[in-house]
Amino acid sequence: MKAKTTLKKLSNYEVSSFCRQMALLIKAGISPAEGINILIQDSHDQSAIKLLDQISQVLMSGEKFHIALEMSGVFPDYLIHMVTIGEESGTLDTVMESLAEYYEREEAIQSSIKSAVSYPLIMVFMMFVVVLVLIIKVLPIFEQVFAQLGTNMSGFSQSLLNMGNALNKYSFVMIILLAVVVCLFIFFSVTTKGKEMFKGLLNKFKGTRKLIQELESARFASGMVLTLSSGMDTYEGLSLVNKIVETDEMKKKIEDCRKLLIDGDSFPEALEKANIFSSFYSQMISVGFKAGSMDTAMKQIAKRFEAETERKIYSLISILEPTLVIILSIIVGIILLSVILPLMGVMTTIG
């Protein structure tokens, strides 16, 4: 019977830190049970102590390490499966270290995606607020100036003013809309379902689709590094990695790769035919395959994909930043000119 838990799932960063600490302790010849007790003594976080204490109790009852992790209910299935393999093969320290590196890369990927998504959304929100302030607060001041001069505002500026008056009159509607926008932002950036929906939306655009594909390739390569370094055969490794990739397209490619392996193709050939990797990367795998170091070749590929996707994400942000600033400047300029130019005309006539 599995122990019930009210603890929340651990983040990639928390999983990575745990694996890194356990790898160091196990390499030093300390058993998992003793290692968990050491972590309890060093921890000052009550939720972490609660989790570690729960794991310790299961280990003290005689269960294996992977059972204790599974019963906690907060670790990913992929990690539990790999820890099981590590315990059975006697390479638990190596597996824990590889898992730490894997979840560090996952954290880096997630951080890059958040940066690419959050910054433009914040900029758009700020643009929206600035324009609202101009329409609701600034334009009425100009209206009073025009009234004192005995004239009216131009058609465009008057339309903006009327819209501002309507928004000001029904400000509760704006508050509700802003609340909805904030809720949607939280939904798409925090919840699992929201993230999946947002990635599906990004996958429909040509520019972002390529980036999503490269992120999935990096995730695939990182997962295969861990399975290969643990001594798992490629067919079983593909089955396990298929559970950690997120897009249906990559899942289908992995299934195609497994079928090609059954048909007798070598792993490098199957990767290229399934269109998981280009011929360049497949050739790297082929060299590693012949040299008996496929895990090393896959690790190099994973690093190249991660570096390339990070570069593209920051390039995208560097393009978006000045673009959004220019758009905001143009909008603000048009609004101000729509009232300043007529006002200058009136002042010239009076003069």
Protein backbone atom coordinates (compact mmCIF):
# COMPACT_ATOMS: atom_id res chain seq x y z
CA MET A 1 0.00 0.00 0.00
CA LYS A 2 1.34 3.40 -0.96
CA ALA A 3 1.64 6.07 1.66
CA LYS A 4 -0.60 9.05 1.19
CA THR A 5 1.01 12.44 1.02
CA THR A 6 -0.11 16.02 0.85
CA LEU A 7 3.29 17.25 -0.33
CA LYS A 8 3.42 19.00 -3.69
CA LYS A 9 5.47 17.76 -6.63
CA LEU A 10 9.08 18.89 -6.54
CA SER A 11 10.38 21.36 -9.11
CA ASN A 12 13.22 20.45 -11.46
CA TYR A 13 15.58 22.54 -9.33
CA GLU A 14 14.55 20.76 -6.12
CA VAL A 15 14.86 17.33 -7.74
CA SER A 16 18.30 18.24 -9.11
CA SER A 17 19.52 19.44 -5.70
CA PHE A 18 18.27 16.27 -4.01
CA CYS A 19 19.93 14.01 -6.60
CA ARG A 20 23.19 15.95 -6.38
CA GLN A 21 23.33 15.64 -2.59
CA MET A 22 22.45 11.93 -2.65
CA ALA A 23 25.05 11.25 -5.35
CA LEU A 24 27.78 12.81 -3.19
CA LEU A 25 26.72 10.83 -0.11
CA ILE A 26 26.45 7.50 -1.94
CA LYS A 27 29.83 8.04 -3.64
CA ALA A 28 31.28 8.49 -0.16
CA GLY A 29 30.05 5.02 0.78
CA ILE A 30 27.02 6.19 2.76
CA SER A 31 23.80 4.19 2.34
CA PRO A 32 20.62 5.93 1.14
CA ALA A 33 19.02 5.53 4.60
CA GLU A 34 21.99 7.13 6.35
CA GLY A 35 22.20 9.80 3.65
CA ILE A 36 18.56 10.80 4.16
CA ASN A 37 19.14 11.13 7.91
CA ILE A 38 22.13 13.40 7.24
CA LEU A 39 19.99 15.58 4.95
CA ILE A 40 17.32 15.80 7.68
CA GLN A 41 19.90 17.10 10.16
CA ASP A 42 21.21 19.71 7.69
CA SER A 43 17.81 20.91 6.46
CA HIS A 44 16.07 24.00 7.91
CA ASP A 45 13.00 23.85 5.63
CA GLN A 46 10.03 22.25 7.39
CA SER A 47 8.45 20.91 4.20
CA ALA A 48 11.79 19.36 3.18
CA ILE A 49 12.20 17.81 6.64
CA LYS A 50 8.69 16.39 6.40
CA LEU A 51 9.46 14.81 3.01
CA LEU A 52 12.85 13.43 4.07
CA ASP A 53 11.38 12.05 7.30
CA GLN A 54 8.70 10.26 5.29
CA ILE A 55 11.35 8.72 3.00
CA SER A 56 13.45 7.76 6.03
CA GLN A 57 10.55 5.90 7.67
CA VAL A 58 9.98 3.82 4.55
CA LEU A 59 13.69 3.01 4.29
CA MET A 60 13.83 2.03 7.98
CA SER A 61 11.01 -0.45 7.36
CA GLY A 62 13.33 -2.31 4.99
CA GLU A 63 12.09 -1.05 1.62
CA LYS A 64 14.46 -0.12 -1.19
CA PHE A 65 15.35 3.48 -2.04
CA HIS A 66 13.24 3.68 -5.23
CA ILE A 67 10.18 2.38 -3.31
CA ALA A 68 10.64 5.09 -0.68
CA LEU A 69 10.88 7.77 -3.37
CA GLU A 70 7.81 6.43 -5.17
CA MET A 71 5.74 6.31 -1.97
CA SER A 72 6.53 9.97 -1.26
CA GLY A 73 4.51 10.88 -4.36
CA VAL A 74 6.60 13.96 -5.20
CA PHE A 75 9.26 12.58 -7.55
CA PRO A 76 8.88 12.15 -11.34
CA ASP A 77 8.23 8.63 -12.67
CA TYR A 78 11.31 8.92 -14.87
CA LEU A 79 13.54 9.46 -11.82
CA ILE A 80 12.00 6.53 -9.95
CA HIS A 81 12.52 4.21 -12.91
CA MET A 82 16.17 5.26 -13.28
CA VAL A 83 16.82 4.87 -9.53
CA THR A 84 15.38 1.35 -9.78
CA ILE A 85 17.86 0.54 -12.55
CA GLY A 86 20.68 2.10 -10.53
CA GLU A 87 19.89 -0.04 -7.49
CA GLU A 88 19.61 -3.23 -9.54
CA SER A 89 22.84 -2.60 -11.46
CA GLY A 90 24.84 -1.31 -8.48
CA THR A 91 25.43 2.07 -10.14
CA LEU A 92 23.12 4.18 -7.96
CA ASP A 93 25.76 6.89 -7.38
CA THR A 94 26.33 7.31 -11.13
CA VAL A 95 22.60 7.33 -11.83
CA MET A 96 21.91 9.96 -9.14
CA GLU A 97 24.67 12.18 -10.54
CA SER A 98 23.30 11.78 -14.08
CA LEU A 99 19.80 12.55 -12.85
CA ALA A 100 21.10 15.72 -11.17
CA GLU A 101 22.62 16.86 -14.47
CA TYR A 102 19.46 15.94 -16.39
CA TYR A 103 17.14 17.94 -14.12
CA GLU A 104 19.57 20.86 -14.13
CA ARG A 105 19.23 20.93 -17.92
CA GLU A 106 15.44 20.66 -17.61
CA GLU A 107 15.46 23.62 -15.21
CA ALA A 108 17.59 25.62 -17.67
CA ILE A 109 15.17 24.83 -20.50
CA GLN A 110 12.15 25.83 -18.40
CA SER A 111 13.84 29.06 -17.31
CA SER A 112 14.63 29.95 -20.92
CA ILE A 113 11.02 29.36 -21.96
CA LYS A 114 9.73 31.46 -19.06
CA SER A 115 12.08 34.30 -20.01
CA ALA A 116 10.99 34.14 -23.64
CA VAL A 117 7.29 34.21 -22.70
CA SER A 118 7.15 36.39 -19.60
CA TYR A 119 9.14 39.41 -20.81
CA PRO A 120 7.03 40.15 -23.93
CA LEU A 121 3.80 39.65 -21.95
CA ILE A 122 4.98 42.10 -19.28
CA MET A 123 5.95 44.62 -21.96
CA VAL A 124 2.57 44.31 -23.68
CA PHE A 125 0.82 44.75 -20.33
CA MET A 126 2.85 47.90 -19.60
CA MET A 127 2.03 49.26 -23.06
CA PHE A 128 -1.64 48.66 -22.36
CA VAL A 129 -1.43 50.51 -19.02
CA VAL A 130 0.45 53.50 -20.52
CA VAL A 131 -2.09 53.89 -23.33
CA LEU A 132 -4.96 53.66 -20.85
CA VAL A 133 -3.44 56.38 -18.67
CA LEU A 134 -3.05 58.64 -21.71
CA ILE A 135 -6.62 58.06 -22.84
CA ILE A 136 -8.31 58.27 -19.43
CA LYS A 137 -6.19 60.87 -17.60
CA VAL A 138 -4.21 62.98 -20.11
CA LEU A 139 -6.71 63.54 -22.93
CA PRO A 140 -9.39 65.09 -20.63
CA ILE A 141 -6.82 67.77 -19.66
CA PHE A 142 -6.35 68.65 -23.33
CA GLU A 143 -10.13 68.72 -23.78
CA GLN A 144 -10.35 71.40 -21.08
CA VAL A 145 -7.61 73.41 -22.83
CA PHE A 146 -9.48 73.22 -26.15
CA ALA A 147 -12.74 74.25 -24.43
CA GLN A 148 -11.05 77.30 -22.89
CA LEU A 149 -9.81 78.26 -26.37
CA GLY A 150 -13.35 77.94 -27.73
CA THR A 151 -12.78 74.96 -30.02
CA ASN A 152 -13.08 71.18 -30.05
CA MET A 153 -10.63 68.33 -30.40
CA SER A 154 -10.09 66.66 -33.78
CA GLY A 155 -12.03 63.57 -34.85
CA PHE A 156 -9.37 60.98 -33.94
CA SER A 157 -8.47 62.48 -30.56
CA GLN A 158 -12.17 63.03 -29.79
CA SER A 159 -12.84 59.35 -30.50
CA LEU A 160 -10.03 58.36 -28.15
CA LEU A 161 -11.42 60.73 -25.51
CA ASN A 162 -14.91 59.25 -25.86
CA MET A 163 -13.43 55.78 -25.48
CA GLY A 164 -11.49 56.92 -22.41
CA ASN A 165 -14.66 58.39 -20.86
CA ALA A 166 -16.47 55.12 -21.48
CA LEU A 167 -13.63 53.12 -19.93
CA ASN A 168 -13.52 55.49 -16.98
CA LYS A 169 -17.28 55.19 -16.53
CA TYR A 170 -17.15 51.40 -16.64
CA SER A 171 -13.84 50.99 -14.85
CA PHE A 172 -15.08 47.87 -13.08
CA VAL A 173 -15.18 46.16 -16.48
CA MET A 174 -11.50 47.02 -16.99
CA ILE A 175 -10.65 45.67 -13.56
CA ILE A 176 -12.41 42.41 -14.42
CA LEU A 177 -10.59 42.20 -17.76
CA LEU A 178 -7.22 42.82 -16.10
CA ALA A 179 -8.02 40.15 -13.51
CA VAL A 180 -8.86 37.72 -16.31
CA VAL A 181 -5.57 38.54 -18.06
CA VAL A 182 -3.62 37.92 -14.83
CA CYS A 183 -5.47 34.64 -14.25
CA LEU A 184 -4.73 33.51 -17.81
CA PHE A 185 -1.05 34.40 -17.36
CA ILE A 186 -0.91 32.32 -14.17
CA PHE A 187 -2.81 29.47 -15.85
CA PHE A 188 -0.46 29.33 -18.87
CA SER A 189 2.74 29.77 -16.86
CA VAL A 190 2.08 27.69 -13.72
CA THR A 191 -0.45 24.89 -14.34
CA THR A 192 0.50 21.74 -16.26
CA LYS A 193 -2.57 21.89 -18.51
CA GLY A 194 -1.96 25.57 -19.24
CA LYS A 195 1.65 24.93 -20.20
CA GLU A 196 0.55 22.16 -22.56
CA MET A 197 -2.06 24.41 -24.18
CA PHE A 198 0.45 27.24 -24.57
CA LYS A 199 3.05 24.95 -26.13
CA GLY A 200 0.37 23.66 -28.49
CA LEU A 201 -0.36 27.26 -29.47
CA LEU A 202 3.35 28.00 -30.03
CA ASN A 203 3.63 24.86 -32.14
CA LYS A 204 1.18 26.34 -34.66
CA PHE A 205 3.48 29.22 -35.61
CA LYS A 206 6.37 28.58 -37.96
CA GLY A 207 8.89 30.70 -36.04
CA THR A 208 8.22 29.12 -32.65
CA ARG A 209 7.57 25.60 -33.99
CA LYS A 210 11.24 25.17 -34.90
CA LEU A 211 12.26 26.30 -31.42
CA ILE A 212 9.86 23.84 -29.77
CA GLN A 213 11.25 21.03 -31.94
CA GLU A 214 14.81 21.85 -30.91
CA LEU A 215 13.81 21.96 -27.25
CA GLU A 216 12.27 18.50 -27.64
CA SER A 217 15.41 17.25 -29.38
CA ALA A 218 17.49 18.55 -26.45
CA ARG A 219 15.14 16.81 -24.00
CA PHE A 220 15.36 13.57 -26.01
CA ALA A 221 19.17 13.68 -26.12
CA SER A 222 19.40 14.41 -22.37
CA GLY A 223 17.09 11.51 -21.58
CA MET A 224 19.05 9.12 -23.80
CA VAL A 225 22.33 10.17 -22.14
CA LEU A 226 20.96 8.96 -18.83
CA THR A 227 19.57 5.68 -20.15
CA LEU A 228 22.71 4.82 -22.13
CA SER A 229 25.09 5.70 -19.27
CA SER A 230 23.04 3.44 -16.99
CA GLY A 231 23.67 0.46 -19.25
CA MET A 232 20.12 0.27 -20.60
CA ASP A 233 19.69 -0.99 -24.18
CA THR A 234 18.56 1.53 -26.80
CA TYR A 235 15.12 -0.05 -27.36
CA GLU A 236 14.17 0.10 -23.68
CA GLY A 237 15.79 3.53 -23.39
CA LEU A 238 13.62 4.88 -26.21
CA SER A 239 10.52 3.55 -24.47
CA LEU A 240 11.46 5.38 -21.28
CA VAL A 241 12.45 8.64 -22.99
CA ASN A 242 9.13 8.58 -24.88
CA LYS A 243 7.46 9.29 -21.52
CA ILE A 244 9.41 12.50 -20.84
CA VAL A 245 9.12 14.25 -24.23
CA GLU A 246 6.05 16.48 -24.44
CA THR A 247 4.98 16.90 -28.07
CA ASP A 248 3.01 14.27 -30.00
CA GLU A 249 5.32 14.81 -32.96
CA MET A 250 8.42 13.73 -31.03
CA LYS A 251 6.57 10.80 -29.45
CA LYS A 252 5.66 9.55 -32.93
CA LYS A 253 9.27 9.90 -34.10
CA ILE A 254 10.48 7.85 -31.14
CA GLU A 255 7.92 5.13 -31.89
CA ASP A 256 9.07 5.11 -35.52
CA CYS A 257 12.67 4.78 -34.30
CA ARG A 258 11.76 1.77 -32.14
CA LYS A 259 10.03 0.09 -35.10
CA LEU A 260 13.12 0.65 -37.25
CA LEU A 261 15.26 -0.99 -34.55
CA ILE A 262 12.96 -4.02 -34.63
CA ASP A 263 13.30 -4.12 -38.42
CA GLY A 264 17.07 -4.46 -38.02
CA ASP A 265 18.38 -0.90 -38.47
CA SER A 266 21.22 0.27 -36.25
CA PHE A 267 20.49 2.97 -33.66
CA PRO A 268 22.18 5.78 -35.66
CA GLU A 269 20.33 4.74 -38.85
CA ALA A 270 17.01 4.59 -37.00
CA LEU A 271 17.54 8.07 -35.53
CA GLU A 272 18.16 9.55 -38.97
CA LYS A 273 15.30 7.71 -40.72
CA ALA A 274 12.86 8.67 -37.97
CA ASN A 275 13.97 12.30 -38.46
CA ILE A 276 14.87 12.71 -34.79
CA PHE A 277 18.34 14.00 -35.68
CA SER A 278 19.86 15.43 -38.85
CA SER A 279 22.48 13.44 -40.74
CA PHE A 280 25.19 15.51 -39.00
CA TYR A 281 24.13 14.45 -35.50
CA SER A 282 23.33 10.92 -36.65
CA GLN A 283 26.91 10.66 -37.92
CA MET A 284 28.15 11.72 -34.47
CA ILE A 285 26.05 8.93 -32.93
CA SER A 286 27.38 6.49 -35.52
CA VAL A 287 30.98 7.29 -34.55
CA GLY A 288 30.07 6.91 -30.87
CA PHE A 289 28.27 3.64 -31.68
CA LYS A 290 31.39 2.19 -33.31
CA ALA A 291 33.63 3.45 -30.50
CA GLY A 292 31.31 2.16 -27.76
CA SER A 293 30.72 5.64 -26.38
CA MET A 294 27.23 6.59 -27.60
CA ASP A 295 26.40 8.18 -24.25
CA THR A 296 29.32 10.61 -24.67
CA ALA A 297 28.25 11.50 -28.22
CA MET A 298 24.64 11.96 -27.09
CA LYS A 299 25.80 14.21 -24.25
CA GLN A 300 27.67 16.44 -26.71
CA ILE A 301 24.57 16.63 -28.91
CA ALA A 302 22.39 17.52 -25.90
CA LYS A 303 24.75 20.36 -24.95
CA ARG A 304 24.78 21.70 -28.52
CA PHE A 305 20.98 21.68 -28.72
CA GLU A 306 20.69 23.42 -25.33
CA ALA A 307 23.24 26.07 -26.27
CA GLU A 308 21.55 26.67 -29.63
CA THR A 309 18.03 26.93 -28.22
CA GLU A 310 19.21 29.26 -25.45
CA ARG A 311 20.92 31.45 -28.04
CA LYS A 312 17.76 31.58 -30.16
CA ILE A 313 15.56 32.39 -27.18
CA TYR A 314 17.74 35.31 -26.09
CA SER A 315 18.01 36.47 -29.70
CA LEU A 316 14.21 36.49 -29.86
CA ILE A 317 14.03 38.49 -26.62
CA SER A 318 16.66 40.96 -27.91
CA ILE A 319 14.52 41.52 -31.02
CA LEU A 320 11.23 41.78 -29.14
CA GLU A 321 12.49 44.34 -26.62
CA PRO A 322 13.28 47.20 -29.04
CA THR A 323 10.32 46.25 -31.26
CA LEU A 324 7.83 46.61 -28.41
CA VAL A 325 9.48 49.86 -27.25
CA ILE A 326 9.20 51.26 -30.81
CA ILE A 327 5.54 50.21 -31.05
CA LEU A 328 4.78 51.84 -27.70
CA SER A 329 6.59 55.02 -28.75
CA ILE A 330 4.63 55.18 -32.00
CA ILE A 331 1.27 54.67 -30.25
CA VAL A 332 2.03 57.29 -27.61
CA GLY A 333 3.36 59.68 -30.29
CA ILE A 334 0.22 59.31 -32.43
CA ILE A 335 -2.05 59.97 -29.43
CA LEU A 336 -0.11 63.07 -28.35
CA LEU A 337 0.29 64.45 -31.87
CA SER A 338 -3.46 64.05 -32.47
CA VAL A 339 -4.03 66.72 -29.82
CA ILE A 340 -0.82 68.77 -29.91
CA LEU A 341 -0.88 69.56 -33.66
CA PRO A 342 -4.48 70.91 -33.63
CA LEU A 343 -3.65 72.81 -30.43
CA MET A 344 -0.65 74.41 -32.13
CA GLY A 345 -2.87 75.34 -35.05
CA VAL A 346 -5.36 77.03 -32.76
CA MET A 347 -2.59 78.88 -30.90
CA THR A 348 -1.12 80.07 -34.22
CA THR A 349 -4.53 81.37 -35.34
CA ILE A 350 -5.03 83.21 -32.08
CA GLY A 351 -1.53 84.65 -32.29
